[in-house]
Amino acid sequence: MIKLGVFILPDKNLKLKILKYKKLIKKNFGDQKYLSHLPHCTLCVLNISKKSIREIKHDKILVRKFKRIYKIKNYDIFYDDPITKGNTIIFKIEKNKFLKELQLSILRNLKKYILKIKKNFKDPKMKKNYKIYGYPFVNSNWQPHYTIASLSKKIKKSSFLRLFKTYRKNNTIFKTQKIYFFQIKKNKHKLLCIKKIN
């Protein structure tokens, strides 16, 4: 069994911006969760069998003809992140019809390959999503974003917020025509395949 991550990757300029803030956090607070992760927006993370990778590589991702674009809204923080138990700093993506459809299309397509592990979620939406899709963050429960880092709750809020005083919100539109499939092993990501969105 392997852990499969399906991602949108940022363009060159956005990637540099994310890496800039990752470096700032490392300089000020040392090593924190997700700092070593490549910049990406997670569409889903699933457990699958290793032998199904070959079939997945040949599957098509079909999405209705929405404009394949998205915007970064602002930086934001997931306080008391249920996954990391820390405070997770992100660049929030404005969710649109294209992103919703893209995530659902991938989950429907990969459903036959999913190996479900018993997990207990307190949140009823997460519980329901995991039962249906094999992934807890779907529909209204999914907030697309680029993660910068998840900080220990021992770090004061005022300490990390000051790093974002110079952050300038802009309405740059980003296009995406491809999605990326990675095998995840702890903090390492191995690229399995790149798929064009049809």
Protein backbone atom coordinates (compact mmCIF):
# COMPACT_ATOMS: atom_id res chain seq x y z
CA MET A 1 0.00 0.00 0.00
CA ILE A 2 1.18 3.52 -0.77
CA LYS A 3 -0.05 7.01 0.06
CA LEU A 4 -0.99 8.88 -3.10
CA GLY A 5 -1.13 12.68 -3.21
CA VAL A 6 -2.85 14.47 -6.11
CA PHE A 7 -1.66 18.06 -6.40
CA ILE A 8 -1.82 21.32 -8.31
CA LEU A 9 1.65 22.86 -8.47
CA PRO A 10 2.27 26.63 -8.52
CA ASP A 11 3.88 28.51 -11.38
CA LYS A 12 7.46 29.78 -11.01
CA ASN A 13 6.61 33.18 -9.43
CA LEU A 14 4.11 31.79 -6.95
CA LYS A 15 6.51 28.99 -6.03
CA LEU A 16 9.24 31.55 -5.23
CA LYS A 17 6.81 33.50 -3.05
CA ILE A 18 5.85 30.40 -1.05
CA LEU A 19 9.52 29.41 -0.64
CA LYS A 20 10.33 32.94 0.56
CA TYR A 21 7.89 32.60 3.46
CA LYS A 22 9.04 29.06 4.23
CA LYS A 23 12.61 30.42 4.61
CA LEU A 24 11.41 33.27 6.83
CA ILE A 25 9.64 30.86 9.15
CA LYS A 26 12.63 28.52 9.33
CA LYS A 27 14.94 31.46 10.08
CA ASN A 28 12.70 32.74 12.90
CA PHE A 29 11.27 29.54 14.41
CA GLY A 30 13.49 26.68 13.27
CA ASP A 31 12.21 23.48 11.70
CA GLN A 32 8.40 23.24 11.63
CA LYS A 33 5.94 20.79 10.06
CA TYR A 34 5.52 21.05 6.26
CA LEU A 35 8.51 23.39 5.81
CA SER A 36 10.36 20.74 3.79
CA HIS A 37 7.33 19.90 1.62
CA LEU A 38 7.31 21.03 -1.98
CA PRO A 39 4.86 23.91 -2.64
CA HIS A 40 1.54 22.38 -3.72
CA CYS A 41 -2.23 22.56 -3.41
CA THR A 42 -3.65 19.20 -2.30
CA LEU A 43 -6.68 17.92 -4.20
CA CYS A 44 -6.69 14.65 -2.25
CA VAL A 45 -4.50 12.16 -0.41
CA LEU A 46 -5.51 8.50 -0.68
CA ASN A 47 -4.23 5.06 0.24
CA ILE A 48 -3.96 2.80 -2.80
CA SER A 49 -2.30 -0.50 -3.71
CA LYS A 50 1.06 -0.24 -5.46
CA LYS A 51 -0.13 -2.36 -8.40
CA SER A 52 -2.90 0.14 -9.24
CA ILE A 53 -0.39 2.89 -10.16
CA ARG A 54 -0.05 1.55 -13.70
CA GLU A 55 -3.82 1.74 -14.26
CA ILE A 56 -4.07 5.22 -12.73
CA LYS A 57 -1.42 6.50 -15.14
CA HIS A 58 -3.71 5.60 -18.06
CA ASP A 59 -6.94 7.03 -16.61
CA LYS A 60 -8.23 10.34 -17.97
CA ILE A 61 -9.29 13.26 -15.79
CA LEU A 62 -12.42 14.76 -17.32
CA VAL A 63 -13.71 18.17 -16.21
CA ARG A 64 -16.56 20.19 -17.67
CA LYS A 65 -15.51 23.20 -19.71
CA PHE A 66 -14.94 25.72 -16.94
CA LYS A 67 -12.08 28.21 -17.21
CA ARG A 68 -9.11 26.41 -15.70
CA ILE A 69 -8.05 29.28 -13.48
CA TYR A 70 -7.87 30.20 -9.79
CA LYS A 71 -6.90 33.18 -7.58
CA ILE A 72 -4.97 33.46 -4.35
CA LYS A 73 -7.18 35.33 -1.88
CA ASN A 74 -4.81 36.09 0.98
CA TYR A 75 -2.71 34.38 3.60
CA ASP A 76 -4.71 32.65 6.32
CA ILE A 77 -4.24 30.40 9.35
CA PHE A 78 -5.88 27.12 10.31
CA TYR A 79 -5.76 27.43 14.08
CA ASP A 80 -5.71 24.09 15.95
CA ASP A 81 -5.30 22.14 12.71
CA PRO A 82 -6.86 18.68 13.36
CA ILE A 83 -4.14 16.99 11.28
CA THR A 84 -1.00 18.63 12.73
CA LYS A 85 -2.32 19.83 16.13
CA GLY A 86 -0.57 23.13 15.35
CA ASN A 87 -1.37 26.44 13.63
CA THR A 88 -1.06 26.03 9.87
CA ILE A 89 -0.19 29.07 7.75
CA ILE A 90 -1.49 29.00 4.18
CA PHE A 91 -2.08 31.00 1.02
CA LYS A 92 -5.83 30.69 0.63
CA ILE A 93 -7.18 29.90 -2.85
CA GLU A 94 -10.54 31.23 -3.95
CA LYS A 95 -12.62 28.11 -4.53
CA ASN A 96 -14.51 28.14 -7.83
CA LYS A 97 -16.60 25.74 -9.95
CA PHE A 98 -13.55 24.47 -11.79
CA LEU A 99 -11.69 23.46 -8.61
CA LYS A 100 -14.79 21.83 -7.09
CA GLU A 101 -15.40 19.83 -10.26
CA LEU A 102 -11.72 18.90 -10.57
CA GLN A 103 -11.54 17.47 -7.06
CA LEU A 104 -14.78 15.50 -7.42
CA SER A 105 -13.74 14.16 -10.82
CA ILE A 106 -10.44 12.87 -9.40
CA LEU A 107 -12.12 11.28 -6.38
CA ARG A 108 -14.77 9.57 -8.53
CA ASN A 109 -12.08 8.35 -10.88
CA LEU A 110 -9.82 6.96 -8.14
CA LYS A 111 -12.56 5.50 -5.96
CA LYS A 112 -12.07 1.97 -7.33
CA TYR A 113 -8.40 2.01 -6.27
CA ILE A 114 -8.81 3.27 -2.69
CA LEU A 115 -7.82 1.10 0.25
CA LYS A 116 -9.69 2.46 3.26
CA ILE A 117 -8.05 2.38 6.66
CA LYS A 118 -10.26 2.69 9.72
CA LYS A 119 -10.12 6.27 10.97
CA ASN A 120 -12.13 8.07 13.63
CA PHE A 121 -13.12 11.64 12.81
CA LYS A 122 -14.99 13.72 15.37
CA ASP A 123 -16.27 16.10 12.72
CA PRO A 124 -19.42 14.58 11.08
CA LYS A 125 -18.60 16.10 7.65
CA MET A 126 -15.11 14.63 7.69
CA LYS A 127 -16.55 11.27 8.76
CA LYS A 128 -19.14 11.31 5.96
CA ASN A 129 -16.64 12.41 3.29
CA TYR A 130 -14.16 9.73 4.28
CA LYS A 131 -16.87 7.09 4.07
CA ILE A 132 -17.99 8.23 0.58
CA TYR A 133 -14.72 9.36 -1.01
CA GLY A 134 -11.88 7.96 1.12
CA TYR A 135 -10.79 11.55 1.85
CA PRO A 136 -12.16 13.79 4.64
CA PHE A 137 -11.88 17.19 2.95
CA VAL A 138 -14.46 17.41 0.15
CA ASN A 139 -17.11 19.93 -0.99
CA SER A 140 -17.82 22.53 1.73
CA ASN A 141 -15.21 20.88 3.96
CA TRP A 142 -12.37 21.46 1.48
CA GLN A 143 -10.54 24.77 1.44
CA PRO A 144 -7.98 24.78 -1.39
CA HIS A 145 -4.68 26.36 -0.36
CA TYR A 146 -0.91 26.33 -0.58
CA THR A 147 0.61 25.40 2.79
CA ILE A 148 3.61 27.30 4.05
CA ALA A 149 4.12 25.58 7.41
CA SER A 150 2.34 24.29 10.49
CA LEU A 151 3.74 25.92 13.60
CA SER A 152 3.89 24.59 17.12
CA LYS A 153 1.24 26.16 19.35
CA LYS A 154 4.05 27.16 21.70
CA ILE A 155 4.91 29.96 19.23
CA LYS A 156 2.98 33.14 19.98
CA LYS A 157 0.47 34.30 17.38
CA SER A 158 1.95 37.83 17.34
CA SER A 159 5.40 36.38 16.60
CA PHE A 160 4.45 34.71 13.32
CA LEU A 161 1.87 37.27 12.17
CA ARG A 162 4.52 40.00 12.07
CA LEU A 163 6.26 38.08 9.26
CA PHE A 164 3.25 38.76 7.04
CA LYS A 165 3.05 42.53 7.60
CA THR A 166 4.65 43.12 4.21
CA TYR A 167 2.35 40.63 2.44
CA ARG A 168 0.53 42.28 -0.44
CA LYS A 169 -2.72 40.83 -1.62
CA ASN A 170 -3.11 40.75 -5.39
CA ASN A 171 -5.67 39.42 -7.81
CA THR A 172 -3.30 37.51 -10.05
CA ILE A 173 -5.05 34.77 -12.00
CA PHE A 174 -3.25 31.44 -12.19
CA LYS A 175 -3.94 28.87 -14.89
CA THR A 176 -3.64 25.13 -14.51
CA GLN A 177 -3.83 22.50 -17.23
CA LYS A 178 -2.12 19.64 -15.41
CA ILE A 179 -2.29 17.77 -12.13
CA TYR A 180 0.54 15.88 -10.45
CA PHE A 181 0.47 12.48 -8.80
CA PHE A 182 3.02 11.88 -6.04
CA GLN A 183 3.86 8.99 -3.76
CA ILE A 184 4.15 10.39 -0.22
CA LYS A 185 6.59 8.90 2.28
CA LYS A 186 6.68 11.00 5.43
CA ASN A 187 8.28 14.30 4.26
CA LYS A 188 9.37 12.96 0.87
CA HIS A 189 7.40 13.24 -2.38
CA LYS A 190 8.17 11.07 -5.39
CA LEU A 191 6.58 12.09 -8.70
CA LEU A 192 4.65 9.20 -10.26
CA CYS A 193 2.98 10.90 -13.21
CA ILE A 194 1.64 14.16 -14.65
CA LYS A 195 -1.82 14.17 -16.16
CA LYS A 196 -3.38 16.71 -18.47
CA ILE A 197 -6.91 17.81 -17.57
CA ASN A 198 -9.30 16.91 -20.39
